[in-house]
Protein backbone atom coordinates (compact mmCIF):
# COMPACT_ATOMS: atom_id res chain seq x y z
CA UNK A 1 -45.84 203.08 -136.47
CA UNK A 2 -43.57 201.47 -139.04
CA UNK A 3 -44.04 198.13 -137.25
CA UNK A 4 -47.80 198.17 -137.90
CA UNK A 5 -47.17 199.08 -141.53
CA UNK A 6 -44.82 196.11 -141.83
CA UNK A 7 -47.42 193.80 -140.28
CA UNK A 8 -50.06 195.11 -142.65
CA UNK A 9 -47.80 194.66 -145.68
CA UNK A 10 -46.88 191.10 -144.72
CA UNK A 11 -50.53 190.14 -144.22
CA UNK A 12 -51.33 191.66 -147.63
CA UNK A 13 -48.59 189.57 -149.24
CA UNK A 14 -49.98 186.42 -147.62
CA UNK A 15 -53.44 187.11 -149.03
CA UNK A 16 -52.12 187.70 -152.54
CA UNK A 17 -50.39 184.34 -152.89
CA UNK A 18 -52.66 181.30 -153.23
CA UNK A 19 -49.90 179.16 -151.70
CA UNK A 20 -50.38 181.00 -148.41
CA UNK A 21 -54.00 179.93 -148.13
CA UNK A 22 -54.41 177.15 -145.60
CA UNK A 23 -55.01 173.83 -147.26
CA UNK A 24 -54.39 175.12 -150.78
CA UNK A 25 -51.54 172.75 -151.54
CA UNK A 26 -53.50 169.79 -150.23
CA UNK A 27 -56.61 170.78 -152.16
CA UNK A 28 -54.66 170.81 -155.43
CA UNK A 29 -53.86 167.15 -154.78
CA UNK A 30 -57.41 166.55 -153.51
CA UNK A 31 -56.16 165.44 -150.08
CA UNK A 32 -57.13 166.38 -146.54
CA UNK A 33 -54.53 168.51 -144.77
CA UNK A 34 -53.98 165.59 -142.40
CA UNK A 35 -52.55 163.40 -145.19
CA UNK A 36 -49.23 161.72 -144.47
CA UNK A 37 -46.10 162.25 -146.53
CA UNK A 38 -46.60 158.83 -148.12
CA UNK A 39 -50.19 159.69 -149.08
CA UNK A 40 -49.05 162.98 -150.59
CA UNK A 41 -46.31 161.27 -152.59
CA UNK A 42 -48.66 158.54 -153.82
CA UNK A 43 -51.34 161.03 -154.88
CA UNK A 44 -48.77 163.23 -156.59
CA UNK A 45 -47.49 160.30 -158.63
CA UNK A 46 -50.94 159.09 -159.66
CA UNK A 47 -52.12 162.58 -160.65
CA UNK A 48 -48.88 163.26 -162.52
CA UNK A 49 -49.38 160.17 -164.64
CA UNK A 50 -53.04 160.98 -165.22
CA UNK A 51 -52.47 164.61 -166.25
CA UNK A 52 -49.06 164.35 -167.92
CA UNK A 53 -49.29 166.14 -171.28
CA UNK A 54 -47.49 163.32 -173.09
CA UNK A 55 -50.24 160.90 -172.04
CA UNK A 56 -52.97 162.95 -173.75
CA UNK A 57 -53.96 161.99 -177.28
CA UNK A 58 -56.00 165.04 -178.27
CA UNK A 59 -54.59 168.55 -178.57
CA UNK A 60 -57.35 170.26 -176.55
CA UNK A 61 -57.02 167.80 -173.66
CA UNK A 62 -53.24 168.10 -173.83
CA UNK A 63 -53.44 171.83 -173.19
CA UNK A 64 -55.86 171.47 -170.27
CA UNK A 65 -53.91 168.58 -168.80
CA UNK A 66 -50.69 170.55 -169.13
CA UNK A 67 -52.11 173.39 -167.05
CA UNK A 68 -53.34 170.95 -164.39
CA UNK A 69 -50.03 169.07 -164.45
CA UNK A 70 -48.10 172.28 -163.75
CA UNK A 71 -50.46 173.13 -160.89
CA UNK A 72 -49.88 169.67 -159.39
CA UNK A 73 -46.11 170.07 -159.81
CA UNK A 74 -46.10 173.45 -158.06
CA UNK A 75 -48.20 172.17 -155.18
CA UNK A 76 -45.99 169.15 -154.67
CA UNK A 77 -42.84 171.27 -154.81
CA UNK A 78 -44.35 173.54 -152.17
CA UNK A 79 -45.09 170.54 -149.99
CA UNK A 80 -41.57 169.19 -150.43
CA UNK A 81 -40.29 172.28 -148.67
CA UNK A 82 -39.27 170.59 -145.44
CA UNK A 83 -40.20 173.48 -143.19
CA UNK A 84 -43.69 173.74 -144.66
CA UNK A 85 -44.36 170.02 -144.66
CA UNK A 86 -43.19 169.34 -141.12
CA UNK A 87 -44.73 172.46 -139.62
CA UNK A 88 -48.08 171.69 -141.20
CA UNK A 89 -48.02 168.15 -139.84
CA UNK A 90 -47.08 169.20 -136.29
CA UNK A 91 -50.22 171.27 -135.77
């Protein structure tokens, strides 16, 4: 009985975190989940330059860009996790 409770709790935790949703990390970078490591790296770099807060001239765009920049950073960091990146590309 405790085993089923554990399974239920772990599935609940997966649903609560957006990083557990299939394709979420790729969608943040606007890439298909079949993208290569080089494509991911290239997209990350281009989006980082585009949304970097220091590149924004107006205060209101700086705030919005900052939020997007942090989202891009988190997604890329999640993809850099070797186990995630290689497992997702083996399937």
